[in-house]
Structure formats: structure tokens, C-alpha cells
């Protein structure tokens, strides 16, 4: 009977550890994804500004534009270009 209690305690501990690990890793995964998307957005903006310099056209590189380009990708970059053309 005592071995059953030990086994059930070990299983309960394993479940608790798995739950706590999932709870702690989810924000880390979200932060990692945010950083990765922001890096991609920054790269897209820098490439666009490099080629846009030949046409005297550029998009300012700041945290808002990097996040928009990072989250939305190419459509986000097109959105930024449209904003730049509309707003001057």
C-alpha cells in the first residue's frame, strides 16, 4: 500500500512540474517570438530603405515601424509605404 502512495505522489509531482513548466515557458516563448519578428521587421525595413534610397524614399526606423513590419511582414511594409505616401 505504501508503494502505491509513493507512485501516486510521484505522478502528482510530475503533473505539477509539467504545469508549472508550461506556465513559465509560455511567456518566454511569446517574448522570443516578439524578438524574432521584430528582427525580421528591422531587416525588412533596412532592405527597403537601402533600395528606396535610389528613389529618395525611406521609412523611418523606430520601434513602431519595426513592430508593424515584424508582425505583419510584407503587408505591413506595404502599409507603412502607403502611410508614408498618404501622410507625406
C-alpha atoms as a PDB file:
ATOM      1  CA  UNK A   1       0.000   0.000   0.000  1.00  0.00           C
ATOM      2  CA  UNK A   2       2.870   2.361   0.746  1.00  0.00           C
ATOM      3  CA  UNK A   3       4.381   1.903  -2.725  1.00  0.00           C
ATOM      4  CA  UNK A   4       1.064   2.925  -4.282  1.00  0.00           C
ATOM      5  CA  UNK A   5       1.167   6.163  -2.280  1.00  0.00           C
ATOM      6  CA  UNK A   6       4.743   6.837  -3.394  1.00  0.00           C
ATOM      7  CA  UNK A   7       3.854   6.200  -7.028  1.00  0.00           C
ATOM      8  CA  UNK A   8       0.753   8.430  -6.832  1.00  0.00           C
ATOM      9  CA  UNK A   9       2.810  11.158  -5.124  1.00  0.00           C
ATOM     10  CA  UNK A  10       5.462  10.941  -7.842  1.00  0.00           C
ATOM     11  CA  UNK A  11       2.818  11.163 -10.582  1.00  0.00           C
ATOM     12  CA  UNK A  12       1.183  14.140  -8.864  1.00  0.00           C
ATOM     13  CA  UNK A  13       4.587  15.836  -8.572  1.00  0.00           C
ATOM     14  CA  UNK A  14       5.293  15.169 -12.262  1.00  0.00           C
ATOM     15  CA  UNK A  15       1.958  16.717 -13.258  1.00  0.00           C
ATOM     16  CA  UNK A  16       2.570  19.781 -11.066  1.00  0.00           C
ATOM     17  CA  UNK A  17       6.069  20.224 -12.502  1.00  0.00           C
ATOM     18  CA  UNK A  18       4.718  19.901 -16.056  1.00  0.00           C
ATOM     19  CA  UNK A  19       2.015  22.515 -15.381  1.00  0.00           C
ATOM     20  CA  UNK A  20       4.429  24.968 -13.768  1.00  0.00           C
ATOM     21  CA  UNK A  21       6.875  24.494 -16.642  1.00  0.00           C
ATOM     22  CA  UNK A  22       4.161  25.231 -19.195  1.00  0.00           C
ATOM     23  CA  UNK A  23       3.037  28.312 -17.280  1.00  0.00           C
ATOM     24  CA  UNK A  24       6.585  29.658 -17.069  1.00  0.00           C
ATOM     25  CA  UNK A  25       7.637  28.811 -20.631  1.00  0.00           C
ATOM     26  CA  UNK A  26       4.643  30.360 -22.413  1.00  0.00           C
ATOM     27  CA  UNK A  27       5.675  33.995 -21.720  1.00  0.00           C
ATOM     28  CA  UNK A  28       9.271  33.184 -22.669  1.00  0.00           C
ATOM     29  CA  UNK A  29       8.094  31.732 -25.984  1.00  0.00           C
ATOM     30  CA  UNK A  30       5.955  34.814 -26.627  1.00  0.00           C
ATOM     31  CA  UNK A  31       8.870  37.157 -25.876  1.00  0.00           C
ATOM     32  CA  UNK A  32      11.160  35.107 -28.115  1.00  0.00           C
ATOM     33  CA  UNK A  33       8.614  35.250 -30.953  1.00  0.00           C
ATOM     34  CA  UNK A  34       8.240  39.023 -30.482  1.00  0.00           C
ATOM     35  CA  UNK A  35      12.019  39.499 -30.658  1.00  0.00           C
ATOM     36  CA  UNK A  36      12.312  37.280 -33.725  1.00  0.00           C
ATOM     37  CA  UNK A  37       9.501  39.082 -35.557  1.00  0.00           C
ATOM     38  CA  UNK A  38      10.971  42.454 -34.617  1.00  0.00           C
ATOM     39  CA  UNK A  39      14.337  41.385 -36.011  1.00  0.00           C
ATOM     40  CA  UNK A  40      12.711  40.324 -39.256  1.00  0.00           C
ATOM     41  CA  UNK A  41      10.815  43.627 -39.406  1.00  0.00           C
ATOM     42  CA  UNK A  42      14.032  45.557 -38.853  1.00  0.00           C
ATOM     43  CA  UNK A  43      15.727  43.605 -41.618  1.00  0.00           C
ATOM     44  CA  UNK A  44      12.814  44.276 -43.988  1.00  0.00           C
ATOM     45  CA  UNK A  45      12.914  47.994 -43.211  1.00  0.00           C
ATOM     46  CA  UNK A  46      16.665  48.217 -43.707  1.00  0.00           C
ATOM     47  CA  UNK A  47      16.494  46.408 -47.041  1.00  0.00           C
ATOM     48  CA  UNK A  48      13.599  48.600 -48.155  1.00  0.00           C
ATOM     49  CA  UNK A  49      15.410  51.777 -47.101  1.00  0.00           C
ATOM     50  CA  UNK A  50      18.561  50.640 -48.915  1.00  0.00           C
ATOM     51  CA  UNK A  51      16.701  50.226 -52.209  1.00  0.00           C
ATOM     52  CA  UNK A  52      14.402  53.173 -51.502  1.00  0.00           C
ATOM     53  CA  UNK A  53      17.419  55.482 -51.212  1.00  0.00           C
ATOM     54  CA  UNK A  54      17.837  55.282 -55.009  1.00  0.00           C
ATOM     55  CA  UNK A  55      14.375  56.848 -55.347  1.00  0.00           C
ATOM     56  CA  UNK A  56      14.777  59.296 -52.428  1.00  0.00           C
ATOM     57  CA  UNK A  57      12.188  57.353 -50.460  1.00  0.00           C
ATOM     58  CA  UNK A  58      12.607  55.951 -46.980  1.00  0.00           C
ATOM     59  CA  UNK A  59      10.663  54.840 -43.965  1.00  0.00           C
ATOM     60  CA  UNK A  60      11.947  55.900 -40.541  1.00  0.00           C
ATOM     61  CA  UNK A  61      13.258  53.023 -38.478  1.00  0.00           C
ATOM     62  CA  UNK A  62      11.739  53.194 -34.989  1.00  0.00           C
ATOM     63  CA  UNK A  63      10.087  50.732 -32.630  1.00  0.00           C
ATOM     64  CA  UNK A  64       6.582  51.252 -34.070  1.00  0.00           C
ATOM     65  CA  UNK A  65       7.586  50.718 -37.698  1.00  0.00           C
ATOM     66  CA  UNK A  66       9.757  47.722 -36.786  1.00  0.00           C
ATOM     67  CA  UNK A  67       6.902  46.084 -34.865  1.00  0.00           C
ATOM     68  CA  UNK A  68       4.405  46.753 -37.676  1.00  0.00           C
ATOM     69  CA  UNK A  69       6.760  45.277 -40.264  1.00  0.00           C
ATOM     70  CA  UNK A  70       7.617  42.405 -37.924  1.00  0.00           C
ATOM     71  CA  UNK A  71       4.060  41.417 -37.049  1.00  0.00           C
ATOM     72  CA  UNK A  72       2.545  41.886 -40.487  1.00  0.00           C
ATOM     73  CA  UNK A  73       5.546  41.069 -42.687  1.00  0.00           C
ATOM     74  CA  UNK A  74       5.379  42.218 -46.319  1.00  0.00           C
ATOM     75  CA  UNK A  75       1.782  43.524 -45.990  1.00  0.00           C
ATOM     76  CA  UNK A  76       2.948  45.571 -43.008  1.00  0.00           C
ATOM     77  CA  UNK A  77       5.749  47.048 -45.087  1.00  0.00           C
ATOM     78  CA  UNK A  78       3.261  47.904 -47.833  1.00  0.00           C
ATOM     79  CA  UNK A  79       1.043  49.506 -45.181  1.00  0.00           C
ATOM     80  CA  UNK A  80       3.956  51.638 -43.989  1.00  0.00           C
ATOM     81  CA  UNK A  81       4.715  52.689 -47.561  1.00  0.00           C
ATOM     82  CA  UNK A  82       1.066  53.678 -48.057  1.00  0.00           C
ATOM     83  CA  UNK A  83       1.104  55.700 -44.825  1.00  0.00           C
ATOM     84  CA  UNK A  84       4.286  57.421 -45.937  1.00  0.00           C
ATOM     85  CA  UNK A  85       2.781  58.275 -49.336  1.00  0.00           C
ATOM     86  CA  UNK A  86      -0.512  59.489 -47.886  1.00  0.00           C
ATOM     87  CA  UNK A  87       0.926  61.483 -44.991  1.00  0.00           C
ATOM     88  CA  UNK A  88       3.869  62.831 -46.921  1.00  0.00           C
END
